[in-house]
Amino acid sequence: MLPRERIMANERLTLSEYACKAEDSRGRQVYEKPCDFRTDFQRDRDRIIHCNSFRRLKHKTQVFLIPHSDHYRTRLTHTLEVSQISRTVACALGLNEDLTEAVALGHDLGHTPFGHDGERILNKLMPCGFAHNLQSRRVVERLEKDGQGLNLTFEVVDGIVGHRGSSALPVTLEGRVVRFCDKIAYINHDIEDAIRGGVITAQMLPEKPVRILGKTKSERITSLVRSLVENSGSDILFDSTTEEAFGELREFMFEKVYRAAPTIAEKDKASRIVEYLFGYFLKHKDEMPPLYIEIADSEGIERAVGDYISGMTDEYAVDYFKKLFIPKGWNKGYID
């Protein structure tokens, strides 16, 4: 028996009746011979980890723009934290951890530079709109590997698209676990970063969520995970008390952190950078890499520019903006 076959046999014996087993996958758009050692979901996880878009997440904003500290979250550390929490829930529920992990690791591959502020301005600028979950699908299906895509399984792509609240629910419970755990991760870790940055204090957190969920990040995450594990079966659910408390905490974060005055000015600057770059590349198509020139010719210039800018890291976008719009100083000795 091949290692892959042994893994799938163990899934049949150990996973919940509600789990998505690797042998039941709807497969890939383009057929590939199975790997001897890994299931298709394990293979998808590895493809995501090794792709360029995954590595660029380390230089993309989570909440705080280009922080001058190594301890603030980036889009990459957020992704890893979502993966860890999601695997914990999936394991406790007897779901497929490999599928869960692949969805979690891929869910933000299409995120823009400067976090949701970059996303909002691209959504305004692009005729077809822009949403990072749909862009993540585009990354894995169209942009990665110089335009070949990663050819992931249906279930992983579906979970990536469905992780966002405004999108349809994923068809698998594993994808729905990631949808919940993405929120669990970013709310609690953004609280920690906001306290570190002096935007809020621990004493400002609303009383009811603190009483129900816990005073510390660890206590709150444990309470939220416990609620999912104890209340989920054929679907993924919080109990009503936990859901209400978590909703109040999330509203607090939007009011006091995500839309807070101390961060608005810098976010406006970031939005202007994205807007300038978008306008520039509309007029200078040939300065983009060959893949995006080809997309401009086949799918339209706005689509290509949106693809190119959304793949940039914060630092790359800032440096390109400086190159285009900030005058260079005179070289010493340039003029006698």
C-alpha atoms as a PDB file:
ATOM      1  CA  MET A   1       0.000   0.000   0.000  1.00  0.00           C
ATOM      2  CA  LEU A   2       1.349   3.422  -0.976  1.00  0.00           C
ATOM      3  CA  PRO A   3       1.683   6.074   1.768  1.00  0.00           C
ATOM      4  CA  ARG A   4      -1.107   8.099   0.133  1.00  0.00           C
ATOM      5  CA  GLU A   5      -3.389   5.058   0.127  1.00  0.00           C
ATOM      6  CA  ARG A   6      -2.628   4.373   3.801  1.00  0.00           C
ATOM      7  CA  ILE A   7      -3.461   7.982   4.709  1.00  0.00           C
ATOM      8  CA  MET A   8      -6.787   7.761   2.893  1.00  0.00           C
ATOM      9  CA  ALA A   9      -7.585   4.440   4.567  1.00  0.00           C
ATOM     10  CA  ASN A  10      -6.911   6.033   7.961  1.00  0.00           C
ATOM     11  CA  GLU A  11      -9.221   8.932   7.049  1.00  0.00           C
ATOM     12  CA  ARG A  12     -12.051   6.483   6.430  1.00  0.00           C
ATOM     13  CA  LEU A  13     -11.501   4.958   9.876  1.00  0.00           C
ATOM     14  CA  THR A  14     -10.852   8.070  11.981  1.00  0.00           C
ATOM     15  CA  LEU A  15     -12.558  11.140  10.498  1.00  0.00           C
ATOM     16  CA  SER A  16     -16.071  12.310  11.267  1.00  0.00           C
ATOM     17  CA  GLU A  17     -18.955  11.426   8.980  1.00  0.00           C
ATOM     18  CA  TYR A  18     -19.120  15.170   8.206  1.00  0.00           C
ATOM     19  CA  ALA A  19     -15.468  15.427   7.148  1.00  0.00           C
ATOM     20  CA  CYS A  20     -14.343  15.755   3.544  1.00  0.00           C
ATOM     21  CA  LYS A  21     -12.079  12.785   2.865  1.00  0.00           C
ATOM     22  CA  ALA A  22      -9.316  13.143   0.319  1.00  0.00           C
ATOM     23  CA  GLU A  23     -10.697  10.263  -1.722  1.00  0.00           C
ATOM     24  CA  ASP A  24     -14.005  12.160  -2.068  1.00  0.00           C
ATOM     25  CA  SER A  25     -12.483  15.318  -3.554  1.00  0.00           C
ATOM     26  CA  ARG A  26     -14.062  16.646  -6.732  1.00  0.00           C
ATOM     27  CA  GLY A  27     -10.522  16.912  -8.078  1.00  0.00           C
ATOM     28  CA  ARG A  28      -8.648  19.491 -10.113  1.00  0.00           C
ATOM     29  CA  GLN A  29      -9.594  21.418 -13.229  1.00  0.00           C
ATOM     30  CA  VAL A  30      -6.724  19.697 -15.033  1.00  0.00           C
ATOM     31  CA  TYR A  31      -6.189  16.065 -14.143  1.00  0.00           C
ATOM     32  CA  GLU A  32      -2.837  15.115 -12.605  1.00  0.00           C
ATOM     33  CA  LYS A  33      -1.535  11.714 -11.655  1.00  0.00           C
ATOM     34  CA  PRO A  34      -1.804  11.314  -7.855  1.00  0.00           C
ATOM     35  CA  CYS A  35       1.322  11.591  -5.725  1.00  0.00           C
ATOM     36  CA  ASP A  36       2.550   8.359  -4.153  1.00  0.00           C
ATOM     37  CA  PHE A  37       3.204   9.986  -0.763  1.00  0.00           C
ATOM     38  CA  ARG A  38       0.631  12.766  -0.323  1.00  0.00           C
ATOM     39  CA  THR A  39      -3.099  13.117  -0.701  1.00  0.00           C
ATOM     40  CA  ASP A  40      -4.329  15.837  -3.042  1.00  0.00           C
ATOM     41  CA  PHE A  41      -5.103  18.141  -0.089  1.00  0.00           C
ATOM     42  CA  GLN A  42      -1.587  17.684   1.292  1.00  0.00           C
ATOM     43  CA  ARG A  43      -0.215  18.401  -2.143  1.00  0.00           C
ATOM     44  CA  ASP A  44      -2.290  21.602  -2.356  1.00  0.00           C
ATOM     45  CA  ARG A  45      -0.954  22.739   1.013  1.00  0.00           C
ATOM     46  CA  ASP A  46       2.605  22.263  -0.193  1.00  0.00           C
ATOM     47  CA  ARG A  47       1.971  24.113  -3.449  1.00  0.00           C
ATOM     48  CA  ILE A  48       0.610  27.085  -1.550  1.00  0.00           C
ATOM     49  CA  ILE A  49       3.519  27.231   0.897  1.00  0.00           C
ATOM     50  CA  HIS A  50       6.059  27.106  -1.923  1.00  0.00           C
ATOM     51  CA  CYS A  51       4.443  29.732  -4.164  1.00  0.00           C
ATOM     52  CA  ASN A  52       5.678  33.301  -4.614  1.00  0.00           C
ATOM     53  CA  SER A  53       2.430  34.883  -3.437  1.00  0.00           C
ATOM     54  CA  PHE A  54       2.710  33.123  -0.080  1.00  0.00           C
ATOM     55  CA  ARG A  55       6.221  34.460   0.504  1.00  0.00           C
ATOM     56  CA  ARG A  56       5.146  38.014  -0.316  1.00  0.00           C
ATOM     57  CA  LEU A  57       2.630  37.943   2.540  1.00  0.00           C
ATOM     58  CA  LYS A  58       5.477  38.593   4.994  1.00  0.00           C
ATOM     59  CA  HIS A  59       5.729  42.173   3.678  1.00  0.00           C
ATOM     60  CA  LYS A  60       2.005  42.934   3.471  1.00  0.00           C
ATOM     61  CA  THR A  61       0.078  44.860   6.110  1.00  0.00           C
ATOM     62  CA  GLN A  62      -2.265  43.168   8.540  1.00  0.00           C
ATOM     63  CA  VAL A  63      -3.477  46.328  10.345  1.00  0.00           C
ATOM     64  CA  PHE A  64      -0.492  48.581  11.072  1.00  0.00           C
ATOM     65  CA  LEU A  65       1.230  49.987   7.990  1.00  0.00           C
ATOM     66  CA  ILE A  66       4.954  49.234   7.697  1.00  0.00           C
ATOM     67  CA  PRO A  67       5.452  48.970  11.486  1.00  0.00           C
ATOM     68  CA  HIS A  68       8.816  49.807  13.027  1.00  0.00           C
ATOM     69  CA  SER A  69       8.780  46.707  15.188  1.00  0.00           C
ATOM     70  CA  ASP A  70       9.267  43.020  14.538  1.00  0.00           C
ATOM     71  CA  HIS A  71       6.359  42.053  16.809  1.00  0.00           C
ATOM     72  CA  TYR A  72       3.388  43.432  14.887  1.00  0.00           C
ATOM     73  CA  ARG A  73       1.450  40.988  12.730  1.00  0.00           C
ATOM     74  CA  THR A  74       1.927  40.874   8.994  1.00  0.00           C
ATOM     75  CA  ARG A  75      -0.385  39.168   6.534  1.00  0.00           C
ATOM     76  CA  LEU A  76       1.900  36.096   6.734  1.00  0.00           C
ATOM     77  CA  THR A  77       1.875  35.756  10.525  1.00  0.00           C
ATOM     78  CA  HIS A  78      -1.894  36.268  10.470  1.00  0.00           C
ATOM     79  CA  THR A  79      -2.170  33.434   7.930  1.00  0.00           C
ATOM     80  CA  LEU A  80      -0.094  31.103  10.094  1.00  0.00           C
ATOM     81  CA  GLU A  81      -2.190  31.941  13.151  1.00  0.00           C
ATOM     82  CA  VAL A  82      -5.403  31.236  11.231  1.00  0.00           C
ATOM     83  CA  SER A  83      -3.929  27.911  10.164  1.00  0.00           C
ATOM     84  CA  GLN A  84      -3.012  26.948  13.716  1.00  0.00           C
ATOM     85  CA  ILE A  85      -6.414  27.803  15.202  1.00  0.00           C
ATOM     86  CA  SER A  86      -8.231  26.155  12.300  1.00  0.00           C
ATOM     87  CA  ARG A  87      -6.268  22.921  12.647  1.00  0.00           C
ATOM     88  CA  THR A  88      -7.049  22.815  16.364  1.00  0.00           C
ATOM     89  CA  VAL A  89     -10.786  23.090  15.675  1.00  0.00           C
ATOM     90  CA  ALA A  90     -10.686  20.636  12.774  1.00  0.00           C
ATOM     91  CA  CYS A  91      -8.800  18.057  14.818  1.00  0.00           C
ATOM     92  CA  ALA A  92     -11.220  18.359  17.731  1.00  0.00           C
ATOM     93  CA  LEU A  93     -14.202  17.907  15.403  1.00  0.00           C
ATOM     94  CA  GLY A  94     -12.695  14.982  13.488  1.00  0.00           C
ATOM     95  CA  LEU A  95     -12.486  16.969  10.258  1.00  0.00           C
ATOM     96  CA  ASN A  96      -9.775  16.819   7.592  1.00  0.00           C
ATOM     97  CA  GLU A  97      -6.820  18.803   8.946  1.00  0.00           C
ATOM     98  CA  ASP A  98      -4.962  18.734   5.624  1.00  0.00           C
ATOM     99  CA  LEU A  99      -7.838  20.344   3.750  1.00  0.00           C
ATOM    100  CA  THR A 100      -8.365  22.841   6.569  1.00  0.00           C
ATOM    101  CA  GLU A 101      -4.697  23.796   6.569  1.00  0.00           C
ATOM    102  CA  ALA A 102      -4.553  24.248   2.793  1.00  0.00           C
ATOM    103  CA  VAL A 103      -7.572  26.574   2.835  1.00  0.00           C
ATOM    104  CA  ALA A 104      -6.170  28.574   5.753  1.00  0.00           C
ATOM    105  CA  LEU A 105      -2.743  28.989   4.183  1.00  0.00           C
ATOM    106  CA  GLY A 106      -4.243  30.104   0.869  1.00  0.00           C
ATOM    107  CA  HIS A 107      -7.084  32.308   2.055  1.00  0.00           C
ATOM    108  CA  ASP A 108      -5.241  35.664   1.809  1.00  0.00           C
ATOM    109  CA  LEU A 109      -2.930  35.047  -1.163  1.00  0.00           C
ATOM    110  CA  GLY A 110      -4.757  37.731  -3.153  1.00  0.00           C
ATOM    111  CA  HIS A 111      -4.611  40.423  -0.499  1.00  0.00           C
ATOM    112  CA  THR A 112      -3.404  43.842  -1.560  1.00  0.00           C
ATOM    113  CA  PRO A 113      -0.585  45.922  -0.132  1.00  0.00           C
ATOM    114  CA  PHE A 114      -1.705  48.118   2.799  1.00  0.00           C
ATOM    115  CA  GLY A 115      -4.348  45.659   3.960  1.00  0.00           C
ATOM    116  CA  HIS A 116      -8.027  46.408   3.529  1.00  0.00           C
ATOM    117  CA  ASP A 117      -7.276  50.016   2.603  1.00  0.00           C
ATOM    118  CA  GLY A 118      -5.521  48.835  -0.538  1.00  0.00           C
ATOM    119  CA  GLU A 119      -8.448  46.532  -1.199  1.00  0.00           C
ATOM    120  CA  ARG A 120     -11.003  49.341  -0.841  1.00  0.00           C
ATOM    121  CA  ILE A 121      -9.246  51.659  -3.274  1.00  0.00           C
ATOM    122  CA  LEU A 122      -8.790  48.900  -5.890  1.00  0.00           C
ATOM    123  CA  ASN A 123     -12.468  48.027  -5.526  1.00  0.00           C
ATOM    124  CA  LYS A 124     -13.244  51.673  -6.298  1.00  0.00           C
ATOM    125  CA  LEU A 125     -10.839  51.910  -9.244  1.00  0.00           C
ATOM    126  CA  MET A 126     -11.506  48.647 -11.059  1.00  0.00           C
ATOM    127  CA  PRO A 127     -14.637  48.529 -13.263  1.00  0.00           C
ATOM    128  CA  CYS A 128     -15.321  44.955 -12.180  1.00  0.00           C
ATOM    129  CA  GLY A 129     -14.609  45.724  -8.522  1.00  0.00           C
ATOM    130  CA  PHE A 130     -12.065  43.981  -6.315  1.00  0.00           C
ATOM    131  CA  ALA A 131     -12.357  41.563  -3.396  1.00  0.00           C
ATOM    132  CA  HIS A 132      -9.332  39.858  -1.891  1.00  0.00           C
ATOM    133  CA  ASN A 133     -11.002  36.439  -1.597  1.00  0.00           C
ATOM    134  CA  LEU A 134     -11.845  36.438  -5.311  1.00  0.00           C
ATOM    135  CA  GLN A 135      -8.337  37.674  -6.067  1.00  0.00           C
ATOM    136  CA  SER A 136      -6.937  34.780  -4.019  1.00  0.00           C
ATOM    137  CA  ARG A 137      -8.792  32.432  -6.352  1.00  0.00           C
ATOM    138  CA  ARG A 138      -7.366  34.309  -9.318  1.00  0.00           C
ATOM    139  CA  VAL A 139      -3.871  33.965  -7.878  1.00  0.00           C
ATOM    140  CA  VAL A 140      -4.108  30.186  -7.584  1.00  0.00           C
ATOM    141  CA  GLU A 141      -5.952  29.684 -10.887  1.00  0.00           C
ATOM    142  CA  ARG A 142      -4.394  32.290 -13.189  1.00  0.00           C
ATOM    143  CA  LEU A 143      -1.413  34.244 -11.842  1.00  0.00           C
ATOM    144  CA  GLU A 144       0.902  31.858 -10.009  1.00  0.00           C
ATOM    145  CA  LYS A 145       3.680  29.966 -11.807  1.00  0.00           C
ATOM    146  CA  ASP A 146       3.969  32.615 -14.541  1.00  0.00           C
ATOM    147  CA  GLY A 147       0.332  32.318 -15.519  1.00  0.00           C
ATOM    148  CA  GLN A 148      -0.102  28.550 -15.177  1.00  0.00           C
ATOM    149  CA  GLY A 149      -1.797  28.645 -11.766  1.00  0.00           C
ATOM    150  CA  LEU A 150      -1.461  26.018  -9.046  1.00  0.00           C
ATOM    151  CA  ASN A 151      -4.273  23.725 -10.262  1.00  0.00           C
ATOM    152  CA  LEU A 152      -5.649  23.187  -6.749  1.00  0.00           C
ATOM    153  CA  THR A 153      -8.542  20.914  -5.854  1.00  0.00           C
ATOM    154  CA  PHE A 154     -12.105  22.194  -5.965  1.00  0.00           C
ATOM    155  CA  GLU A 155     -12.509  22.031  -2.162  1.00  0.00           C
ATOM    156  CA  VAL A 156      -9.440  24.148  -1.428  1.00  0.00           C
ATOM    157  CA  VAL A 157     -10.397  26.837  -3.949  1.00  0.00           C
ATOM    158  CA  ASP A 158     -13.987  26.833  -2.678  1.00  0.00           C
ATOM    159  CA  GLY A 159     -12.776  27.311   0.906  1.00  0.00           C
ATOM    160  CA  ILE A 160     -10.462  30.151  -0.110  1.00  0.00           C
ATOM    161  CA  VAL A 161     -13.287  32.002  -1.860  1.00  0.00           C
ATOM    162  CA  GLY A 162     -15.756  31.305   0.945  1.00  0.00           C
ATOM    163  CA  HIS A 163     -13.646  32.499   3.871  1.00  0.00           C
ATOM    164  CA  ARG A 164     -14.997  36.052   3.639  1.00  0.00           C
ATOM    165  CA  GLY A 165     -18.240  36.954   5.397  1.00  0.00           C
ATOM    166  CA  SER A 166     -19.928  38.445   2.347  1.00  0.00           C
ATOM    167  CA  SER A 167     -19.329  35.343   0.223  1.00  0.00           C
ATOM    168  CA  ALA A 168     -21.333  32.129   0.047  1.00  0.00           C
ATOM    169  CA  LEU A 169     -20.546  29.487   2.648  1.00  0.00           C
ATOM    170  CA  PRO A 170     -17.929  26.911   1.645  1.00  0.00           C
ATOM    171  CA  VAL A 171     -19.342  23.525   0.721  1.00  0.00           C
ATOM    172  CA  THR A 172     -17.080  21.719   3.213  1.00  0.00           C
ATOM    173  CA  LEU A 173     -17.073  22.059   6.984  1.00  0.00           C
ATOM    174  CA  GLU A 174     -13.304  22.439   6.772  1.00  0.00           C
ATOM    175  CA  GLY A 175     -13.764  25.601   4.728  1.00  0.00           C
ATOM    176  CA  ARG A 176     -16.350  26.854   7.216  1.00  0.00           C
ATOM    177  CA  VAL A 177     -13.930  26.267  10.081  1.00  0.00           C
ATOM    178  CA  VAL A 178     -11.429  28.572   8.386  1.00  0.00           C
ATOM    179  CA  ARG A 179     -14.162  31.170   7.836  1.00  0.00           C
ATOM    180  CA  PHE A 180     -14.752  31.309  11.616  1.00  0.00           C
ATOM    181  CA  CYS A 181     -11.112  31.000  12.649  1.00  0.00           C
ATOM    182  CA  ASP A 182     -10.005  33.831  10.367  1.00  0.00           C
ATOM    183  CA  LYS A 183     -12.196  36.156  12.445  1.00  0.00           C
ATOM    184  CA  ILE A 184     -11.096  34.594  15.736  1.00  0.00           C
ATOM    185  CA  ALA A 185      -7.477  35.172  14.785  1.00  0.00           C
ATOM    186  CA  TYR A 186      -7.626  38.697  13.437  1.00  0.00           C
ATOM    187  CA  ILE A 187      -9.848  40.172  16.152  1.00  0.00           C
ATOM    188  CA  ASN A 188      -7.774  38.825  19.030  1.00  0.00           C
ATOM    189  CA  HIS A 189      -4.374  39.393  17.483  1.00  0.00           C
ATOM    190  CA  ASP A 190      -5.332  42.869  16.304  1.00  0.00           C
ATOM    191  CA  ILE A 191      -6.338  43.677  19.889  1.00  0.00           C
ATOM    192  CA  GLU A 192      -2.843  42.701  21.010  1.00  0.00           C
ATOM    193  CA  ASP A 193      -1.205  44.802  18.271  1.00  0.00           C
ATOM    194  CA  ALA A 194      -3.472  47.781  18.986  1.00  0.00           C
ATOM    195  CA  ILE A 195      -2.556  47.667  22.678  1.00  0.00           C
ATOM    196  CA  ARG A 196       1.124  47.409  21.772  1.00  0.00           C
ATOM    197  CA  GLY A 197       0.739  50.410  19.468  1.00  0.00           C
ATOM    198  CA  GLY A 198      -1.018  52.522  22.073  1.00  0.00           C
ATOM    199  CA  VAL A 199      -4.235  52.819  20.052  1.00  0.00           C
ATOM    200  CA  ILE A 200      -6.266  51.216  22.866  1.00  0.00           C
ATOM    201  CA  THR A 201      -5.639  49.858  26.357  1.00  0.00           C
ATOM    202  CA  ALA A 202      -6.792  46.544  27.807  1.00  0.00           C
ATOM    203  CA  GLN A 203      -9.067  48.490  30.163  1.00  0.00           C
ATOM    204  CA  MET A 204     -10.975  49.911  27.161  1.00  0.00           C
ATOM    205  CA  LEU A 205     -12.233  46.503  26.014  1.00  0.00           C
ATOM    206  CA  PRO A 206     -16.018  46.176  26.490  1.00  0.00           C
ATOM    207  CA  GLU A 207     -17.034  44.561  29.777  1.00  0.00           C
ATOM    208  CA  LYS A 208     -19.424  41.876  28.510  1.00  0.00           C
ATOM    209  CA  PRO A 209     -17.079  40.214  25.967  1.00  0.00           C
ATOM    210  CA  VAL A 210     -14.248  40.289  28.511  1.00  0.00           C
ATOM    211  CA  ARG A 211     -16.479  38.667  31.138  1.00  0.00           C
ATOM    212  CA  ILE A 212     -17.757  35.971  28.758  1.00  0.00           C
ATOM    213  CA  LEU A 213     -14.698  35.299  26.611  1.00  0.00           C
ATOM    214  CA  GLY A 214     -11.791  36.211  28.874  1.00  0.00           C
ATOM    215  CA  LYS A 215      -9.359  38.984  29.759  1.00  0.00           C
ATOM    216  CA  THR A 216      -6.387  37.756  27.744  1.00  0.00           C
ATOM    217  CA  LYS A 217      -5.861  36.813  24.099  1.00  0.00           C
ATOM    218  CA  SER A 218      -5.293  33.188  25.067  1.00  0.00           C
ATOM    219  CA  GLU A 219      -8.445  33.030  27.204  1.00  0.00           C
ATOM    220  CA  ARG A 220     -10.593  34.562  24.467  1.00  0.00           C
ATOM    221  CA  ILE A 221      -9.289  32.283  21.720  1.00  0.00           C
ATOM    222  CA  THR A 222      -9.798  29.251  23.966  1.00  0.00           C
ATOM    223  CA  SER A 223     -13.389  30.301  24.726  1.00  0.00           C
ATOM    224  CA  LEU A 224     -14.184  30.817  21.047  1.00  0.00           C
ATOM    225  CA  VAL A 225     -12.606  27.517  20.006  1.00  0.00           C
ATOM    226  CA  ARG A 226     -14.437  25.712  22.809  1.00  0.00           C
ATOM    227  CA  SER A 227     -17.749  27.152  21.636  1.00  0.00           C
ATOM    228  CA  LEU A 228     -17.146  25.948  18.075  1.00  0.00           C
ATOM    229  CA  VAL A 229     -16.117  22.467  19.188  1.00  0.00           C
ATOM    230  CA  GLU A 230     -19.031  22.051  21.587  1.00  0.00           C
ATOM    231  CA  ASN A 231     -21.726  23.409  19.266  1.00  0.00           C
ATOM    232  CA  SER A 232     -20.723  22.167  15.818  1.00  0.00           C
ATOM    233  CA  GLY A 233     -21.863  18.958  14.167  1.00  0.00           C
ATOM    234  CA  SER A 234     -23.292  18.980  10.677  1.00  0.00           C
ATOM    235  CA  ASP A 235     -22.475  22.696  10.546  1.00  0.00           C
ATOM    236  CA  ILE A 236     -19.974  25.023  12.254  1.00  0.00           C
ATOM    237  CA  LEU A 237     -21.577  27.205  14.916  1.00  0.00           C
ATOM    238  CA  PHE A 238     -21.003  29.305  18.038  1.00  0.00           C
ATOM    239  CA  ASP A 239     -23.524  29.189  20.871  1.00  0.00           C
ATOM    240  CA  SER A 240     -25.671  32.328  20.960  1.00  0.00           C
ATOM    241  CA  THR A 241     -24.026  33.863  24.050  1.00  0.00           C
ATOM    242  CA  THR A 242     -20.534  33.515  22.595  1.00  0.00           C
ATOM    243  CA  GLU A 243     -21.655  34.766  19.204  1.00  0.00           C
ATOM    244  CA  GLU A 244     -23.183  37.894  20.756  1.00  0.00           C
ATOM    245  CA  ALA A 245     -20.115  38.615  22.875  1.00  0.00           C
ATOM    246  CA  PHE A 246     -17.779  38.112  19.935  1.00  0.00           C
ATOM    247  CA  GLY A 247     -19.921  40.388  17.773  1.00  0.00           C
ATOM    248  CA  GLU A 248     -19.706  43.159  20.363  1.00  0.00           C
ATOM    249  CA  LEU A 249     -15.934  42.773  20.542  1.00  0.00           C
ATOM    250  CA  ARG A 250     -15.692  42.951  16.762  1.00  0.00           C
ATOM    251  CA  GLU A 251     -17.807  46.132  16.669  1.00  0.00           C
ATOM    252  CA  PHE A 252     -15.507  47.667  19.280  1.00  0.00           C
ATOM    253  CA  MET A 253     -12.462  46.929  17.132  1.00  0.00           C
ATOM    254  CA  PHE A 254     -13.999  48.524  14.050  1.00  0.00           C
ATOM    255  CA  GLU A 255     -14.888  51.663  15.988  1.00  0.00           C
ATOM    256  CA  LYS A 256     -11.743  52.069  18.086  1.00  0.00           C
ATOM    257  CA  VAL A 257      -9.012  50.532  15.900  1.00  0.00           C
ATOM    258  CA  TYR A 258      -9.831  49.876  12.261  1.00  0.00           C
ATOM    259  CA  ARG A 259     -11.508  53.284  11.815  1.00  0.00           C
ATOM    260  CA  ALA A 260      -9.591  55.109  14.555  1.00  0.00           C
ATOM    261  CA  ALA A 261      -8.291  58.642  13.959  1.00  0.00           C
ATOM    262  CA  PRO A 262      -4.618  57.787  14.743  1.00  0.00           C
ATOM    263  CA  THR A 263      -4.512  55.376  11.788  1.00  0.00           C
ATOM    264  CA  ILE A 264      -6.713  57.200   9.254  1.00  0.00           C
ATOM    265  CA  ALA A 265      -4.087  59.678   8.044  1.00  0.00           C
ATOM    266  CA  GLU A 266      -1.571  56.959   7.254  1.00  0.00           C
ATOM    267  CA  LYS A 267      -4.242  54.811   5.619  1.00  0.00           C
ATOM    268  CA  ASP A 268      -5.190  57.742   3.387  1.00  0.00           C
ATOM    269  CA  LYS A 269      -1.577  58.052   2.301  1.00  0.00           C
ATOM    270  CA  ALA A 270      -1.474  54.352   1.451  1.00  0.00           C
ATOM    271  CA  SER A 271      -4.690  54.643  -0.566  1.00  0.00           C
ATOM    272  CA  ARG A 272      -3.242  57.536  -2.554  1.00  0.00           C
ATOM    273  CA  ILE A 273      -0.166  55.467  -3.401  1.00  0.00           C
ATOM    274  CA  VAL A 274      -2.345  52.678  -4.791  1.00  0.00           C
ATOM    275  CA  GLU A 275      -4.434  55.192  -6.740  1.00  0.00           C
ATOM    276  CA  TYR A 276      -1.356  56.879  -8.234  1.00  0.00           C
ATOM    277  CA  LEU A 277       0.176  53.561  -9.245  1.00  0.00           C
ATOM    278  CA  PHE A 278      -3.076  52.381 -10.807  1.00  0.00           C
ATOM    279  CA  GLY A 279      -3.324  55.506 -12.948  1.00  0.00           C
ATOM    280  CA  TYR A 280       0.331  55.302 -13.899  1.00  0.00           C
ATOM    281  CA  PHE A 281       0.232  51.714 -15.150  1.00  0.00           C
ATOM    282  CA  LEU A 282      -2.952  52.347 -17.097  1.00  0.00           C
ATOM    283  CA  LYS A 283      -0.847  54.711 -19.197  1.00  0.00           C
ATOM    284  CA  HIS A 284       2.413  52.722 -19.091  1.00  0.00           C
ATOM    285  CA  LYS A 285       1.373  49.125 -19.704  1.00  0.00           C
ATOM    286  CA  ASP A 286       4.777  48.113 -21.032  1.00  0.00           C
ATOM    287  CA  GLU A 287       6.456  48.815 -17.694  1.00  0.00           C
ATOM    288  CA  MET A 288       4.650  45.866 -16.130  1.00  0.00           C
ATOM    289  CA  PRO A 289       6.130  42.335 -16.247  1.00  0.00           C
ATOM    290  CA  PRO A 290       5.331  40.227 -19.350  1.00  0.00           C
ATOM    291  CA  LEU A 291       2.542  38.213 -17.676  1.00  0.00           C
ATOM    292  CA  TYR A 292       0.546  41.363 -16.936  1.00  0.00           C
ATOM    293  CA  ILE A 293       1.106  42.769 -20.404  1.00  0.00           C
ATOM    294  CA  GLU A 294      -0.351  39.548 -21.796  1.00  0.00           C
ATOM    295  CA  ILE A 295      -3.320  39.849 -19.407  1.00  0.00           C
ATOM    296  CA  ALA A 296      -3.824  43.461 -20.506  1.00  0.00           C
ATOM    297  CA  ASP A 297      -4.013  42.336 -24.128  1.00  0.00           C
ATOM    298  CA  SER A 298      -6.338  39.407 -23.448  1.00  0.00           C
ATOM    299  CA  GLU A 299      -8.490  40.566 -20.510  1.00  0.00           C
ATOM    300  CA  GLY A 300      -8.187  44.342 -20.417  1.00  0.00           C
ATOM    301  CA  ILE A 301      -5.759  46.865 -18.998  1.00  0.00           C
ATOM    302  CA  GLU A 302      -7.696  47.486 -15.746  1.00  0.00           C
ATOM    303  CA  ARG A 303      -7.719  43.762 -14.962  1.00  0.00           C
ATOM    304  CA  ALA A 304      -3.969  43.535 -15.555  1.00  0.00           C
ATOM    305  CA  VAL A 305      -3.117  46.605 -13.485  1.00  0.00           C
ATOM    306  CA  GLY A 306      -5.305  45.361 -10.628  1.00  0.00           C
ATOM    307  CA  ASP A 307      -3.554  41.990 -10.727  1.00  0.00           C
ATOM    308  CA  TYR A 308      -0.124  43.626 -10.731  1.00  0.00           C
ATOM    309  CA  ILE A 309      -0.746  46.112  -7.929  1.00  0.00           C
ATOM    310  CA  SER A 310      -2.572  43.629  -5.697  1.00  0.00           C
ATOM    311  CA  GLY A 311       0.473  41.367  -5.802  1.00  0.00           C
ATOM    312  CA  MET A 312       2.827  44.098  -4.596  1.00  0.00           C
ATOM    313  CA  THR A 313       4.145  44.203  -1.044  1.00  0.00           C
ATOM    314  CA  ASP A 314       3.834  47.407   0.963  1.00  0.00           C
ATOM    315  CA  GLU A 315       7.518  48.216   0.551  1.00  0.00           C
ATOM    316  CA  TYR A 316       7.549  47.527  -3.177  1.00  0.00           C
ATOM    317  CA  ALA A 317       4.553  49.806  -3.719  1.00  0.00           C
ATOM    318  CA  VAL A 318       6.146  52.599  -1.665  1.00  0.00           C
ATOM    319  CA  ASP A 319       9.490  52.244  -3.447  1.00  0.00           C
ATOM    320  CA  TYR A 320       7.848  52.269  -6.875  1.00  0.00           C
ATOM    321  CA  PHE A 321       5.864  55.361  -5.916  1.00  0.00           C
ATOM    322  CA  LYS A 322       9.064  57.098  -4.779  1.00  0.00           C
ATOM    323  CA  LYS A 323      10.766  56.141  -8.020  1.00  0.00           C
ATOM    324  CA  LEU A 324       7.953  57.658 -10.085  1.00  0.00           C
ATOM    325  CA  PHE A 325       6.938  60.712  -8.102  1.00  0.00           C
ATOM    326  CA  ILE A 326       9.698  61.740  -5.676  1.00  0.00           C
ATOM    327  CA  PRO A 327      12.554  63.768  -7.235  1.00  0.00           C
ATOM    328  CA  LYS A 328      15.991  62.283  -6.820  1.00  0.00           C
ATOM    329  CA  GLY A 329      18.698  64.317  -5.115  1.00  0.00           C
ATOM    330  CA  TRP A 330      21.628  65.638  -7.123  1.00  0.00           C
ATOM    331  CA  ASN A 331      24.657  63.374  -7.221  1.00  0.00           C
ATOM    332  CA  LYS A 332      27.686  64.891  -5.556  1.00  0.00           C
ATOM    333  CA  GLY A 333      29.879  66.486  -8.210  1.00  0.00           C
ATOM    334  CA  TYR A 334      27.127  66.391 -10.845  1.00  0.00           C
ATOM    335  CA  ILE A 335      27.488  70.134 -11.405  1.00  0.00           C
ATOM    336  CA  ASP A 336      30.853  71.938 -11.378  1.00  0.00           C
END
